[in-house]
């Protein structure tokens, strides 16, 4: 079985993505008229989805077992998501069907079954639905099936253009961000696509950053449709520039690697700071409370990552080894 390629800069991007999401969700970022919070959060999610598509596709390229893939992915995603969901829905006094929709990851589909406490979990629905779909395609068509990813990416973008959808939580008009990451993985893992890798090495991430920001803005108009491609190109432009480049050095920072390690737990837990009394008071009081609240969330994310989630990740690895055996 070929070894999985290592791209240390991806941890840096993962750390940046969660910091952008936290900033966009929890702190005021300029005058409301500019809607910078929406822009920054959307860019963070686009980077997150790109990384997810890249990782999933790379995994299937190098570990071509659908059973192992699903076991490891679900053991990574489900335990914390389910624990948080049950607690949050109980606090929200949600109807019974909300539990079914959210525990089985279809709450983002119309008519949408999300509460104010669990609204951010739409992204997990997009993720898990993609896992199941790509696993089915790979099971039927094997490695050739992965080449449907760039085709589907263009189809989804075309559907967004046809329906004038800029940013959505519905999978059918948001999954092109994951598919763009999968396309990037195919470009990186296919020998005869060396010209793509040369182009990415030539591209400048600092030039692609303002384009990605503009494409994530509510005022981006037509650029919004190109968001998946700008962001995937921006991430891809840092994969082949060499470990000594400035971008690689910044993205390979240890503090970003730590934030990347706890990023999933941070994403799941961060809305706690807006629950009830924690999110109440005048703007001055509310944002003054936010710093110690976030420190507590970072502490919870650390415990979750290295104890609770680590237990289930190790279980998933053992179960996948048994399946292989």
Protein backbone atom coordinates (compact mmCIF):
# COMPACT_ATOMS: atom_id res chain seq x y z
CA UNK A 1 0.00 0.00 0.00
CA UNK A 2 1.62 3.33 -1.03
CA UNK A 3 2.28 5.78 1.75
CA UNK A 4 0.14 8.87 2.12
CA UNK A 5 1.94 12.00 0.88
CA UNK A 6 2.68 14.60 3.54
CA UNK A 7 1.93 18.30 3.05
CA UNK A 8 2.80 20.09 6.33
CA UNK A 9 1.37 23.39 5.05
CA UNK A 10 -2.13 21.89 5.14
CA UNK A 11 -2.09 22.06 8.94
CA UNK A 12 -1.38 25.76 8.62
CA UNK A 13 -4.34 26.21 6.30
CA UNK A 14 -6.55 24.24 8.66
CA UNK A 15 -5.52 26.48 11.54
CA UNK A 16 -6.21 29.59 9.43
CA UNK A 17 -9.61 28.27 8.37
CA UNK A 18 -10.88 27.78 11.94
CA UNK A 19 -9.48 31.17 13.04
CA UNK A 20 -11.36 32.84 10.17
CA UNK A 21 -14.57 31.04 11.15
CA UNK A 22 -14.18 32.02 14.82
CA UNK A 23 -13.49 35.64 13.89
CA UNK A 24 -16.41 35.77 11.49
CA UNK A 25 -18.85 34.20 13.95
CA UNK A 26 -17.80 35.77 17.23
CA UNK A 27 -16.24 39.24 16.75
CA UNK A 28 -17.28 42.43 14.93
CA UNK A 29 -15.12 42.90 11.83
CA UNK A 30 -15.79 46.41 10.63
CA UNK A 31 -18.97 48.34 9.79
CA UNK A 32 -22.07 46.19 9.31
CA UNK A 33 -22.62 47.66 5.86
CA UNK A 34 -19.44 45.95 4.61
CA UNK A 35 -20.64 42.55 5.90
CA UNK A 36 -17.06 41.49 6.59
CA UNK A 37 -18.16 38.88 9.12
CA UNK A 38 -20.02 36.97 6.40
CA UNK A 39 -17.06 37.30 4.04
CA UNK A 40 -14.44 36.08 6.54
CA UNK A 41 -16.59 33.18 7.79
CA UNK A 42 -17.40 32.09 4.22
CA UNK A 43 -13.70 32.15 3.29
CA UNK A 44 -12.86 30.09 6.39
CA UNK A 45 -15.49 27.50 5.46
CA UNK A 46 -14.30 27.43 1.83
CA UNK A 47 -10.73 26.65 2.99
CA UNK A 48 -12.06 24.02 5.40
CA UNK A 49 -14.11 22.31 2.66
CA UNK A 50 -11.18 22.45 0.23
CA UNK A 51 -8.93 20.72 2.76
CA UNK A 52 -11.61 18.13 3.45
CA UNK A 53 -12.04 17.29 -0.24
CA UNK A 54 -8.26 17.11 -0.65
CA UNK A 55 -7.84 14.76 2.32
CA UNK A 56 -10.75 12.48 1.40
CA UNK A 57 -9.66 12.07 -2.21
CA UNK A 58 -6.00 11.58 -1.28
CA UNK A 59 -7.02 8.94 1.26
CA UNK A 60 -9.01 6.97 -1.32
CA UNK A 61 -6.15 7.24 -3.82
CA UNK A 62 -3.64 5.74 -1.38
CA UNK A 63 -5.85 3.57 0.85
CA UNK A 64 -8.43 2.17 -1.57
CA UNK A 65 -10.74 0.50 0.95
CA UNK A 66 -14.24 1.92 1.25
CA UNK A 67 -14.87 0.12 4.55
CA UNK A 68 -11.71 1.48 6.17
CA UNK A 69 -12.40 4.95 4.80
CA UNK A 70 -15.93 5.10 6.21
CA UNK A 71 -14.95 3.62 9.59
CA UNK A 72 -12.11 6.10 10.10
CA UNK A 73 -14.05 9.12 8.85
CA UNK A 74 -17.18 8.39 10.88
CA UNK A 75 -15.16 7.65 14.02
CA UNK A 76 -13.49 11.03 13.52
CA UNK A 77 -16.69 13.01 12.95
CA UNK A 78 -19.58 11.31 14.71
CA UNK A 79 -18.72 10.93 18.45
CA UNK A 80 -18.25 14.62 19.26
CA UNK A 81 -20.95 15.73 16.82
CA UNK A 82 -23.51 13.40 18.40
CA UNK A 83 -22.56 14.32 21.96
CA UNK A 84 -22.82 18.04 21.21
CA UNK A 85 -26.05 17.60 19.24
CA UNK A 86 -27.86 15.74 21.99
CA UNK A 87 -26.90 18.31 24.63
CA UNK A 88 -27.66 21.31 22.38
CA UNK A 89 -31.03 20.00 21.20
CA UNK A 90 -32.04 19.19 24.77
CA UNK A 91 -31.23 22.79 25.80
CA UNK A 92 -33.13 24.10 22.78
CA UNK A 93 -36.11 21.84 23.62
CA UNK A 94 -36.18 20.78 19.99
CA UNK A 95 -38.89 18.46 18.58
CA UNK A 96 -38.05 14.76 18.23
CA UNK A 97 -37.54 14.84 14.46
CA UNK A 98 -34.74 17.39 14.86
CA UNK A 99 -32.76 14.69 16.68
CA UNK A 100 -33.24 12.29 13.77
CA UNK A 101 -32.36 14.89 11.13
CA UNK A 102 -29.24 16.08 12.93
CA UNK A 103 -27.95 12.74 14.22
CA UNK A 104 -28.22 11.33 10.70
CA UNK A 105 -26.77 14.44 9.05
CA UNK A 106 -29.53 15.63 6.76
CA UNK A 107 -30.72 18.64 8.77
CA UNK A 108 -29.31 21.07 6.17
CA UNK A 109 -31.71 19.86 3.48
CA UNK A 110 -34.98 21.74 2.88
CA UNK A 111 -37.05 22.49 4.86
CA UNK A 112 -33.99 22.50 7.24
CA UNK A 113 -34.05 21.14 10.81
CA UNK A 114 -31.55 23.34 12.65
CA UNK A 115 -31.86 25.30 15.89
CA UNK A 116 -30.08 28.45 17.05
CA UNK A 117 -27.77 26.18 19.08
CA UNK A 118 -26.95 23.80 16.22
CA UNK A 119 -27.12 26.02 13.15
CA UNK A 120 -23.41 25.62 12.39
CA UNK A 121 -23.72 21.83 12.09
CA UNK A 122 -25.03 22.20 8.54
CA UNK A 123 -21.42 21.87 7.39
CA UNK A 124 -21.12 18.39 8.91
CA UNK A 125 -24.18 17.37 6.92
CA UNK A 126 -22.46 18.49 3.70
CA UNK A 127 -19.33 16.58 4.76
CA UNK A 128 -21.02 13.31 5.69
CA UNK A 129 -23.29 13.35 2.64
CA UNK A 130 -20.16 13.74 0.50
CA UNK A 131 -18.42 10.88 2.36
CA UNK A 132 -21.29 8.53 1.63
CA UNK A 133 -21.65 9.62 -1.99
CA UNK A 134 -17.95 9.36 -2.86
CA UNK A 135 -17.69 6.04 -1.01
CA UNK A 136 -20.55 4.66 -3.13
CA UNK A 137 -18.93 5.94 -6.34
CA UNK A 138 -15.57 4.49 -5.36
CA UNK A 139 -17.13 1.15 -4.38
CA UNK A 140 -18.81 0.81 -7.79
CA UNK A 141 -16.18 2.29 -10.11
CA UNK A 142 -13.01 2.02 -7.97
CA UNK A 143 -10.28 4.58 -8.64
CA UNK A 144 -11.76 5.59 -11.99
CA UNK A 145 -14.80 6.86 -10.12
CA UNK A 146 -12.72 9.61 -8.52
CA UNK A 147 -12.47 11.30 -11.92
CA UNK A 148 -16.14 12.13 -11.57
CA UNK A 149 -15.09 14.69 -8.92
CA UNK A 150 -13.95 17.49 -11.30
CA UNK A 151 -16.95 16.84 -13.55
CA UNK A 152 -19.38 17.03 -10.62
CA UNK A 153 -17.62 20.16 -9.39
CA UNK A 154 -18.35 21.95 -12.65
CA UNK A 155 -21.93 20.63 -12.70
CA UNK A 156 -22.60 21.95 -9.17
CA UNK A 157 -21.11 25.34 -10.04
CA UNK A 158 -23.22 25.47 -13.19
CA UNK A 159 -26.28 24.68 -11.06
CA UNK A 160 -25.36 27.52 -8.69
CA UNK A 161 -25.09 29.91 -11.63
CA UNK A 162 -28.42 28.75 -13.02
CA UNK A 163 -30.17 29.17 -9.66
CA UNK A 164 -28.24 32.39 -8.76
CA UNK A 165 -27.00 30.76 -5.53
CA UNK A 166 -23.97 32.52 -4.03
CA UNK A 167 -23.63 30.98 -0.55
CA UNK A 168 -25.88 28.21 0.73
CA UNK A 169 -26.02 25.49 3.39
CA UNK A 170 -27.75 23.04 1.02
CA UNK A 171 -25.38 20.35 -0.20
CA UNK A 172 -26.36 20.46 -3.88
CA UNK A 173 -25.26 24.10 -4.15
CA UNK A 174 -22.33 24.11 -1.72
CA UNK A 175 -20.46 20.86 -2.30
CA UNK A 176 -18.38 22.29 -5.17
CA UNK A 177 -16.00 23.65 -2.49
CA UNK A 178 -15.29 20.06 -1.35
CA UNK A 179 -15.17 18.83 -4.95
CA UNK A 180 -12.62 21.53 -5.83
CA UNK A 181 -10.40 20.19 -3.04
CA UNK A 182 -10.84 16.69 -4.45
CA UNK A 183 -9.87 17.94 -7.90
CA UNK A 184 -6.72 19.48 -6.38
CA UNK A 185 -5.87 16.08 -4.83
CA UNK A 186 -6.24 14.37 -8.21
CA UNK A 187 -3.94 16.96 -9.77
CA UNK A 188 -1.37 16.37 -7.04
CA UNK A 189 -1.59 12.57 -7.11
CA UNK A 190 -1.60 11.92 -10.86
CA UNK A 191 1.86 11.62 -12.52
CA UNK A 192 0.84 12.87 -15.99
CA UNK A 193 -0.61 16.10 -14.53
CA UNK A 194 2.82 17.52 -13.68
CA UNK A 195 1.95 20.66 -15.68
CA UNK A 196 -0.82 21.45 -13.16
CA UNK A 197 1.63 21.14 -10.29
CA UNK A 198 4.09 23.42 -12.11
CA UNK A 199 1.35 25.99 -12.61
CA UNK A 200 0.39 25.82 -8.93
CA UNK A 201 4.04 26.23 -7.90
CA UNK A 202 4.22 29.32 -10.11
CA UNK A 203 0.98 30.85 -8.78
CA UNK A 204 1.24 33.40 -5.97
CA UNK A 205 -1.03 32.75 -2.94
CA UNK A 206 -0.87 36.46 -1.99
CA UNK A 207 -2.35 37.32 -5.39
CA UNK A 208 -5.07 34.70 -4.99
CA UNK A 209 -6.00 35.80 -1.45
CA UNK A 210 -7.82 39.04 -2.44
CA UNK A 211 -9.61 37.15 -5.21
CA UNK A 212 -10.70 34.52 -2.68
CA UNK A 213 -11.88 37.22 -0.27
CA UNK A 214 -13.82 38.97 -3.01
CA UNK A 215 -15.39 35.66 -4.03
CA UNK A 216 -16.45 35.05 -0.42
CA UNK A 217 -18.00 38.51 -0.08
CA UNK A 218 -21.78 39.00 -0.27
CA UNK A 219 -20.96 41.73 -2.81
CA UNK A 220 -18.82 39.45 -4.97
CA UNK A 221 -21.60 38.91 -7.50
CA UNK A 222 -20.20 36.73 -10.32
CA UNK A 223 -16.93 36.10 -8.45
CA UNK A 224 -18.84 34.08 -5.85
CA UNK A 225 -19.29 31.29 -8.37
CA UNK A 226 -15.50 31.02 -8.68
CA UNK A 227 -14.88 30.82 -4.93
CA UNK A 228 -14.16 27.05 -4.90
CA UNK A 229 -11.56 27.45 -7.66
CA UNK A 230 -9.81 30.52 -6.24
CA UNK A 231 -9.53 28.92 -2.80
CA UNK A 232 -8.37 25.52 -4.13
CA UNK A 233 -5.76 27.30 -6.27
CA UNK A 234 -4.63 29.39 -3.30
CA UNK A 235 -4.15 26.29 -1.15
CA UNK A 236 -2.58 24.37 -4.03
CA UNK A 237 -0.11 27.18 -4.73
CA UNK A 238 1.58 26.50 -1.38
CA UNK A 239 1.96 22.71 -1.82
CA UNK A 240 4.92 22.68 -4.23
CA UNK A 241 6.88 25.82 -3.42
CA UNK A 242 9.42 24.03 -1.21
CA UNK A 243 9.84 23.89 2.55
CA UNK A 244 12.12 26.94 2.58
CA UNK A 245 9.68 29.38 0.97
CA UNK A 246 8.23 32.13 3.14
CA UNK A 247 4.68 30.86 2.76
CA UNK A 248 5.66 27.34 3.76
CA UNK A 249 7.53 28.62 6.82
CA UNK A 250 4.55 30.64 8.01
CA UNK A 251 2.05 27.84 7.37
CA UNK A 252 4.31 25.29 9.06
CA UNK A 253 4.33 27.22 12.36
CA UNK A 254 3.85 25.07 15.47
CA UNK A 255 1.10 27.25 16.92
CA UNK A 256 -0.93 26.86 13.73
CA UNK A 257 -0.36 23.09 13.83
CA UNK A 258 -1.77 23.01 17.38
CA UNK A 259 -4.84 25.03 16.39
CA UNK A 260 -5.26 22.69 13.41
CA UNK A 261 -5.14 19.69 15.74
CA UNK A 262 -8.01 21.01 17.87
CA UNK A 263 -9.84 22.72 14.98
CA UNK A 264 -12.68 20.20 14.69
CA UNK A 265 -13.53 20.46 18.39
CA UNK A 266 -13.24 24.26 18.21
CA UNK A 267 -15.69 24.34 15.35
CA UNK A 268 -18.22 22.11 17.10
CA UNK A 269 -17.96 23.84 20.49
CA UNK A 270 -17.45 27.52 19.66
CA UNK A 271 -21.17 28.53 19.57
CA UNK A 272 -21.31 27.82 23.32
CA UNK A 273 -19.99 31.35 23.91
CA UNK A 274 -23.28 32.75 22.56
CA UNK A 275 -25.61 30.56 24.59
CA UNK A 276 -27.89 32.19 27.17
CA UNK A 277 -26.15 34.44 29.69
CA UNK A 278 -22.79 33.91 27.94
CA UNK A 279 -24.01 35.84 24.91
CA UNK A 280 -26.07 38.45 26.75
CA UNK A 281 -25.46 42.06 27.81
CA UNK A 282 -24.44 45.22 26.01
CA UNK A 283 -21.92 44.94 23.20
CA UNK A 284 -19.12 46.05 25.51
CA UNK A 285 -20.06 43.49 28.18
CA UNK A 286 -20.69 40.71 25.68
CA UNK A 287 -17.35 41.09 23.90
CA UNK A 288 -15.50 41.56 27.20
CA UNK A 289 -16.86 38.17 28.27
CA UNK A 290 -15.94 36.60 24.96
CA UNK A 291 -12.18 36.39 25.57
CA UNK A 292 -12.37 34.27 28.78
CA UNK A 293 -15.24 32.30 27.23
CA UNK A 294 -13.11 31.49 24.20
CA UNK A 295 -10.22 30.51 26.47
CA UNK A 296 -12.57 28.03 28.15
CA UNK A 297 -13.69 26.71 24.75
CA UNK A 298 -10.04 26.23 23.73
CA UNK A 299 -9.55 24.25 26.96
CA UNK A 300 -12.59 22.09 26.24
CA UNK A 301 -11.42 21.59 22.65
CA UNK A 302 -8.01 20.45 23.90
CA UNK A 303 -9.57 17.91 26.27
CA UNK A 304 -11.99 16.72 23.60
CA UNK A 305 -9.26 16.33 20.95
CA UNK A 306 -6.64 14.53 23.00
CA UNK A 307 -8.89 12.40 25.21
CA UNK A 308 -12.47 11.92 23.99
CA UNK A 309 -11.93 12.14 20.22
CA UNK A 310 -8.54 10.42 20.38
CA UNK A 311 -10.22 7.40 22.03
CA UNK A 312 -12.67 7.04 19.13
CA UNK A 313 -10.02 7.70 16.47
CA UNK A 314 -7.92 4.88 17.92
CA UNK A 315 -11.01 2.66 17.98
CA UNK A 316 -11.62 3.47 14.33
CA UNK A 317 -8.05 2.55 13.41
CA UNK A 318 -8.35 -0.77 15.25
CA UNK A 319 -11.68 -1.56 13.63
CA UNK A 320 -10.33 -0.71 10.18
CA UNK A 321 -7.30 -2.97 10.78
CA UNK A 322 -9.63 -5.82 11.74
CA UNK A 323 -11.61 -5.21 8.56
CA UNK A 324 -8.41 -5.31 6.51
CA UNK A 325 -7.31 -8.51 8.26
